[in-house]
Amino acid sequence: MKRLIALLALLPLAAGCTPHTTQATQVGVRFNKITRSSETSDPGATYFFMPIINDWATYDTSTQN
């Protein structure tokens, strides 16, 4: 019973971070809602962060003129 309670207590913490990916021709931009800062992410990678305090957008770099 104690293991079940411990597992249920840790479940929200483990589910807090979600993966966000960029393809080979995409650049990701993470916007932090609390600090109002932005961070550019490299193409072809996976990033983990909390979705409640962050927004995520991807932009395709192959369509630039």
PDB file of N, CA and C in Angstrom:
ATOM      1  N   MET A   1       0.817  -1.196   0.000  1.00  0.00           N
ATOM      2  CA  MET A   1       0.000   0.000   0.000  1.00  0.00           C
ATOM      3  C   MET A   1       0.862   1.262   0.000  1.00  0.00           C
ATOM      4  N   LYS A   2       1.988   1.207   0.730  1.00  0.00           N
ATOM      5  CA  LYS A   2       2.872   2.368   0.779  1.00  0.00           C
ATOM      6  C   LYS A   2       3.506   2.639  -0.581  1.00  0.00           C
ATOM      7  N   ARG A   3       3.800   1.564  -1.310  1.00  0.00           N
ATOM      8  CA  ARG A   3       4.380   1.741  -2.652  1.00  0.00           C
ATOM      9  C   ARG A   3       3.388   2.404  -3.600  1.00  0.00           C
ATOM     10  N   LEU A   4       2.140   2.028  -3.494  1.00  0.00           N
ATOM     11  CA  LEU A   4       1.109   2.616  -4.343  1.00  0.00           C
ATOM     12  C   LEU A   4       0.938   4.097  -4.046  1.00  0.00           C
ATOM     13  N   ILE A   5       0.953   4.452  -2.789  1.00  0.00           N
ATOM     14  CA  ILE A   5       0.829   5.865  -2.408  1.00  0.00           C
ATOM     15  C   ILE A   5       2.038   6.658  -2.897  1.00  0.00           C
ATOM     16  N   ALA A   6       3.231   6.077  -2.758  1.00  0.00           N
ATOM     17  CA  ALA A   6       4.441   6.756  -3.233  1.00  0.00           C
ATOM     18  C   ALA A   6       4.422   6.914  -4.746  1.00  0.00           C
ATOM     19  N   LEU A   7       3.958   5.891  -5.448  1.00  0.00           N
ATOM     20  CA  LEU A   7       3.869   5.975  -6.907  1.00  0.00           C
ATOM     21  C   LEU A   7       2.868   7.034  -7.342  1.00  0.00           C
ATOM     22  N   LEU A   8       1.740   7.094  -6.691  1.00  0.00           N
ATOM     23  CA  LEU A   8       0.735   8.100  -7.032  1.00  0.00           C
ATOM     24  C   LEU A   8       1.197   9.510  -6.693  1.00  0.00           C
ATOM     25  N   ALA A   9       2.031   9.645  -5.668  1.00  0.00           N
ATOM     26  CA  ALA A   9       2.562  10.963  -5.309  1.00  0.00           C
ATOM     27  C   ALA A   9       3.601  11.442  -6.315  1.00  0.00           C
ATOM     28  N   LEU A  10       4.367  10.527  -6.904  1.00  0.00           N
ATOM     29  CA  LEU A  10       5.410  10.892  -7.863  1.00  0.00           C
ATOM     30  C   LEU A  10       4.906  10.995  -9.298  1.00  0.00           C
ATOM     31  N   LEU A  11       3.743  10.488  -9.575  1.00  0.00           N
ATOM     32  CA  LEU A  11       3.218  10.492 -10.940  1.00  0.00           C
ATOM     33  C   LEU A  11       3.066  11.885 -11.539  1.00  0.00           C
ATOM     34  N   PRO A  12       2.530  12.883 -10.833  1.00  0.00           N
ATOM     35  CA  PRO A  12       2.440  14.228 -11.434  1.00  0.00           C
ATOM     36  C   PRO A  12       3.803  14.843 -11.727  1.00  0.00           C
ATOM     37  N   LEU A  13       4.800  14.519 -10.927  1.00  0.00           N
ATOM     38  CA  LEU A  13       6.135  15.064 -11.179  1.00  0.00           C
ATOM     39  C   LEU A  13       6.764  14.449 -12.422  1.00  0.00           C
ATOM     40  N   ALA A  14       6.539  13.174 -12.641  1.00  0.00           N
ATOM     41  CA  ALA A  14       7.109  12.505 -13.802  1.00  0.00           C
ATOM     42  C   ALA A  14       6.409  12.924 -15.090  1.00  0.00           C
ATOM     43  N   ALA A  15       5.141  13.247 -15.013  1.00  0.00           N
ATOM     44  CA  ALA A  15       4.385  13.624 -16.200  1.00  0.00           C
ATOM     45  C   ALA A  15       4.467  15.115 -16.486  1.00  0.00           C
ATOM     46  N   GLY A  16       5.210  15.859 -15.698  1.00  0.00           N
ATOM     47  CA  GLY A  16       5.272  17.306 -15.853  1.00  0.00           C
ATOM     48  C   GLY A  16       6.008  17.764 -17.090  1.00  0.00           C
ATOM     49  N   CYS A  17       7.047  17.066 -17.487  1.00  0.00           N
ATOM     50  CA  CYS A  17       7.839  17.471 -18.647  1.00  0.00           C
ATOM     51  C   CYS A  17       7.416  16.668 -19.865  1.00  0.00           C
ATOM     52  N   THR A  18       7.185  17.357 -20.957  1.00  0.00           N
ATOM     53  CA  THR A  18       6.786  16.683 -22.186  1.00  0.00           C
ATOM     54  C   THR A  18       7.845  16.902 -23.255  1.00  0.00           C
ATOM     55  N   PRO A  19       8.012  15.943 -24.168  1.00  0.00           N
ATOM     56  CA  PRO A  19       9.029  16.093 -25.211  1.00  0.00           C
ATOM     57  C   PRO A  19       8.540  16.975 -26.358  1.00  0.00           C
ATOM     58  N   HIS A  20       9.431  17.776 -26.869  1.00  0.00           N
ATOM     59  CA  HIS A  20       9.179  18.609 -28.041  1.00  0.00           C
ATOM     60  C   HIS A  20      10.347  18.396 -28.992  1.00  0.00           C
ATOM     61  N   THR A  21      10.055  18.132 -30.256  1.00  0.00           N
ATOM     62  CA  THR A  21      11.112  17.804 -31.206  1.00  0.00           C
ATOM     63  C   THR A  21      11.157  18.804 -32.347  1.00  0.00           C
ATOM     64  N   THR A  22      12.327  18.888 -32.948  1.00  0.00           N
ATOM     65  CA  THR A  22      12.507  19.649 -34.174  1.00  0.00           C
ATOM     66  C   THR A  22      13.027  18.699 -35.238  1.00  0.00           C
ATOM     67  N   GLN A  23      12.556  18.874 -36.456  1.00  0.00           N
ATOM     68  CA  GLN A  23      13.029  18.059 -37.571  1.00  0.00           C
ATOM     69  C   GLN A  23      14.342  18.637 -38.094  1.00  0.00           C
ATOM     70  N   ALA A  24      14.883  18.029 -39.136  1.00  0.00           N
ATOM     71  CA  ALA A  24      16.182  18.450 -39.668  1.00  0.00           C
ATOM     72  C   ALA A  24      16.141  19.853 -40.265  1.00  0.00           C
ATOM     73  N   THR A  25      14.973  20.292 -40.739  1.00  0.00           N
ATOM     74  CA  THR A  25      14.868  21.623 -41.347  1.00  0.00           C
ATOM     75  C   THR A  25      14.031  22.577 -40.510  1.00  0.00           C
ATOM     76  N   GLN A  26      13.866  22.292 -39.228  1.00  0.00           N
ATOM     77  CA  GLN A  26      13.060  23.142 -38.351  1.00  0.00           C
ATOM     78  C   GLN A  26      13.905  23.709 -37.220  1.00  0.00           C
ATOM     79  N   VAL A  27      13.528  24.891 -36.783  1.00  0.00           N
ATOM     80  CA  VAL A  27      14.120  25.519 -35.609  1.00  0.00           C
ATOM     81  C   VAL A  27      13.001  25.688 -34.595  1.00  0.00           C
ATOM     82  N   GLY A  28      13.271  25.342 -33.355  1.00  0.00           N
ATOM     83  CA  GLY A  28      12.270  25.477 -32.304  1.00  0.00           C
ATOM     84  C   GLY A  28      12.522  26.718 -31.472  1.00  0.00           C
ATOM     85  N   VAL A  29      11.441  27.339 -31.024  1.00  0.00           N
ATOM     86  CA  VAL A  29      11.545  28.505 -30.153  1.00  0.00           C
ATOM     87  C   VAL A  29      10.679  28.246 -28.928  1.00  0.00           C
ATOM     88  N   ARG A  30      11.305  28.330 -27.765  1.00  0.00           N
ATOM     89  CA  ARG A  30      10.595  28.144 -26.498  1.00  0.00           C
ATOM     90  C   ARG A  30      10.379  29.506 -25.864  1.00  0.00           C
ATOM     91  N   PHE A  31       9.133  29.808 -25.540  1.00  0.00           N
ATOM     92  CA  PHE A  31       8.764  31.061 -24.895  1.00  0.00           C
ATOM     93  C   PHE A  31       8.410  30.773 -23.441  1.00  0.00           C
ATOM     94  N   ASN A  32       9.101  31.397 -22.507  1.00  0.00           N
ATOM     95  CA  ASN A  32       8.820  31.231 -21.086  1.00  0.00           C
ATOM     96  C   ASN A  32       7.790  32.279 -20.677  1.00  0.00           C
ATOM     97  N   LYS A  33       6.681  31.830 -20.111  1.00  0.00           N
ATOM     98  CA  LYS A  33       5.590  32.734 -19.750  1.00  0.00           C
ATOM     99  C   LYS A  33       5.886  33.536 -18.488  1.00  0.00           C
ATOM    100  N   ILE A  34       6.728  33.020 -17.606  1.00  0.00           N
ATOM    101  CA  ILE A  34       7.015  33.713 -16.349  1.00  0.00           C
ATOM    102  C   ILE A  34       8.072  34.787 -16.548  1.00  0.00           C
ATOM    103  N   THR A  35       9.191  34.433 -17.173  1.00  0.00           N
ATOM    104  CA  THR A  35      10.287  35.390 -17.353  1.00  0.00           C
ATOM    105  C   THR A  35      10.174  36.178 -18.650  1.00  0.00           C
ATOM    106  N   ARG A  36       9.235  35.808 -19.496  1.00  0.00           N
ATOM    107  CA  ARG A  36       9.017  36.450 -20.794  1.00  0.00           C
ATOM    108  C   ARG A  36      10.277  36.441 -21.662  1.00  0.00           C
ATOM    109  N   SER A  37      11.002  35.339 -21.588  1.00  0.00           N
ATOM    110  CA  SER A  37      12.206  35.189 -22.403  1.00  0.00           C
ATOM    111  C   SER A  37      11.966  34.122 -23.464  1.00  0.00           C
ATOM    112  N   SER A  38      12.800  34.117 -24.474  1.00  0.00           N
ATOM    113  CA  SER A  38      12.708  33.112 -25.527  1.00  0.00           C
ATOM    114  C   SER A  38      14.070  32.463 -25.722  1.00  0.00           C
ATOM    115  N   GLU A  39      14.036  31.222 -26.177  1.00  0.00           N
ATOM    116  CA  GLU A  39      15.256  30.462 -26.396  1.00  0.00           C
ATOM    117  C   GLU A  39      15.123  29.703 -27.709  1.00  0.00           C
ATOM    118  N   THR A  40      16.096  29.851 -28.587  1.00  0.00           N
ATOM    119  CA  THR A  40      16.090  29.167 -29.874  1.00  0.00           C
ATOM    120  C   THR A  40      16.752  27.804 -29.727  1.00  0.00           C
ATOM    121  N   SER A  41      16.129  26.776 -30.311  1.00  0.00           N
ATOM    122  CA  SER A  41      16.636  25.409 -30.217  1.00  0.00           C
ATOM    123  C   SER A  41      17.128  24.940 -31.579  1.00  0.00           C
ATOM    124  N   ASP A  42      18.159  24.139 -31.566  1.00  0.00           N
ATOM    125  CA  ASP A  42      18.782  23.647 -32.794  1.00  0.00           C
ATOM    126  C   ASP A  42      17.898  22.636 -33.515  1.00  0.00           C
ATOM    127  N   PRO A  43      18.098  22.483 -34.836  1.00  0.00           N
ATOM    128  CA  PRO A  43      17.332  21.504 -35.603  1.00  0.00           C
ATOM    129  C   PRO A  43      17.724  20.067 -35.259  1.00  0.00           C
ATOM    130  N   GLY A  44      16.774  19.165 -35.439  1.00  0.00           N
ATOM    131  CA  GLY A  44      17.025  17.745 -35.285  1.00  0.00           C
ATOM    132  C   GLY A  44      17.288  17.282 -33.871  1.00  0.00           C
ATOM    133  N   ALA A  45      16.585  17.813 -32.896  1.00  0.00           N
ATOM    134  CA  ALA A  45      16.814  17.430 -31.501  1.00  0.00           C
ATOM    135  C   ALA A  45      15.482  17.314 -30.766  1.00  0.00           C
ATOM    136  N   THR A  46      15.542  16.744 -29.571  1.00  0.00           N
ATOM    137  CA  THR A  46      14.377  16.605 -28.705  1.00  0.00           C
ATOM    138  C   THR A  46      14.653  17.334 -27.400  1.00  0.00           C
ATOM    139  N   TYR A  47      13.682  18.103 -26.946  1.00  0.00           N
ATOM    140  CA  TYR A  47      13.825  18.907 -25.735  1.00  0.00           C
ATOM    141  C   TYR A  47      12.684  18.584 -24.786  1.00  0.00           C
ATOM    142  N   PHE A  48      12.965  18.611 -23.491  1.00  0.00           N
ATOM    143  CA  PHE A  48      11.965  18.347 -22.460  1.00  0.00           C
ATOM    144  C   PHE A  48      11.825  19.578 -21.573  1.00  0.00           C
ATOM    145  N   PHE A  49      10.585  20.047 -21.390  1.00  0.00           N
ATOM    146  CA  PHE A  49      10.316  21.142 -20.467  1.00  0.00           C
ATOM    147  C   PHE A  49       8.847  21.137 -20.098  1.00  0.00           C
ATOM    148  N   MET A  50       8.502  21.892 -19.079  1.00  0.00           N
ATOM    149  CA  MET A  50       7.128  21.911 -18.580  1.00  0.00           C
ATOM    150  C   MET A  50       6.232  22.742 -19.501  1.00  0.00           C
ATOM    151  N   PRO A  51       5.120  22.183 -19.962  1.00  0.00           N
ATOM    152  CA  PRO A  51       4.260  22.905 -20.894  1.00  0.00           C
ATOM    153  C   PRO A  51       3.413  23.987 -20.247  1.00  0.00           C
ATOM    154  N   ILE A  52       3.252  23.984 -18.941  1.00  0.00           N
ATOM    155  CA  ILE A  52       2.378  24.953 -18.279  1.00  0.00           C
ATOM    156  C   ILE A  52       3.000  26.343 -18.292  1.00  0.00           C
ATOM    157  N   ILE A  53       4.304  26.415 -18.090  1.00  0.00           N
ATOM    158  CA  ILE A  53       4.968  27.718 -18.026  1.00  0.00           C
ATOM    159  C   ILE A  53       5.744  28.043 -19.296  1.00  0.00           C
ATOM    160  N   ASN A  54       5.679  27.169 -20.303  1.00  0.00           N
ATOM    161  CA  ASN A  54       6.408  27.384 -21.554  1.00  0.00           C
ATOM    162  C   ASN A  54       5.496  27.163 -22.747  1.00  0.00           C
ATOM    163  N   ASP A  55       5.725  27.925 -23.803  1.00  0.00           N
ATOM    164  CA  ASP A  55       5.089  27.693 -25.094  1.00  0.00           C
ATOM    165  C   ASP A  55       6.167  27.253 -26.067  1.00  0.00           C
ATOM    166  N   TRP A  56       5.773  26.496 -27.092  1.00  0.00           N
ATOM    167  CA  TRP A  56       6.720  25.942 -28.045  1.00  0.00           C
ATOM    168  C   TRP A  56       6.200  26.177 -29.455  1.00  0.00           C
ATOM    169  N   ALA A  57       7.069  26.635 -30.326  1.00  0.00           N
ATOM    170  CA  ALA A  57       6.713  26.830 -31.729  1.00  0.00           C
ATOM    171  C   ALA A  57       7.880  26.363 -32.585  1.00  0.00           C
ATOM    172  N   THR A  58       7.562  25.769 -33.731  1.00  0.00           N
ATOM    173  CA  THR A  58       8.605  25.358 -34.668  1.00  0.00           C
ATOM    174  C   THR A  58       8.430  26.128 -35.964  1.00  0.00           C
ATOM    175  N   TYR A  59       9.549  26.479 -36.564  1.00  0.00           N
ATOM    176  CA  TYR A  59       9.554  27.218 -37.821  1.00  0.00           C
ATOM    177  C   TYR A  59      10.427  26.479 -38.816  1.00  0.00           C
ATOM    178  N   ASP A  60       9.925  26.326 -40.027  1.00  0.00           N
ATOM    179  CA  ASP A  60      10.653  25.620 -41.074  1.00  0.00           C
ATOM    180  C   ASP A  60      11.654  26.571 -41.717  1.00  0.00           C
ATOM    181  N   THR A  61      12.925  26.210 -41.692  1.00  0.00           N
ATOM    182  CA  THR A  61      13.968  27.081 -42.232  1.00  0.00           C
ATOM    183  C   THR A  61      14.181  26.880 -43.722  1.00  0.00           C
ATOM    184  N   SER A  62      13.617  25.842 -44.308  1.00  0.00           N
ATOM    185  CA  SER A  62      13.823  25.604 -45.736  1.00  0.00           C
ATOM    186  C   SER A  62      12.931  26.482 -46.604  1.00  0.00           C
ATOM    187  N   THR A  63      11.980  27.207 -46.020  1.00  0.00           N
ATOM    188  CA  THR A  63      11.084  28.050 -46.808  1.00  0.00           C
ATOM    189  C   THR A  63      11.521  29.506 -46.837  1.00  0.00           C
ATOM    190  N   GLN A  64      12.687  29.821 -46.269  1.00  0.00           N
ATOM    191  CA  GLN A  64      13.152  31.203 -46.270  1.00  0.00           C
ATOM    192  C   GLN A  64      13.696  31.574 -47.642  1.00  0.00           C
ATOM    193  N   ASN A  65      13.546  32.844 -47.994  1.00  0.00           N
ATOM    194  CA  ASN A  65      14.069  33.338 -49.271  1.00  0.00           C
ATOM    195  C   ASN A  65      15.448  33.911 -49.091  1.00  0.00           C
TER     196      ASN A  65
END
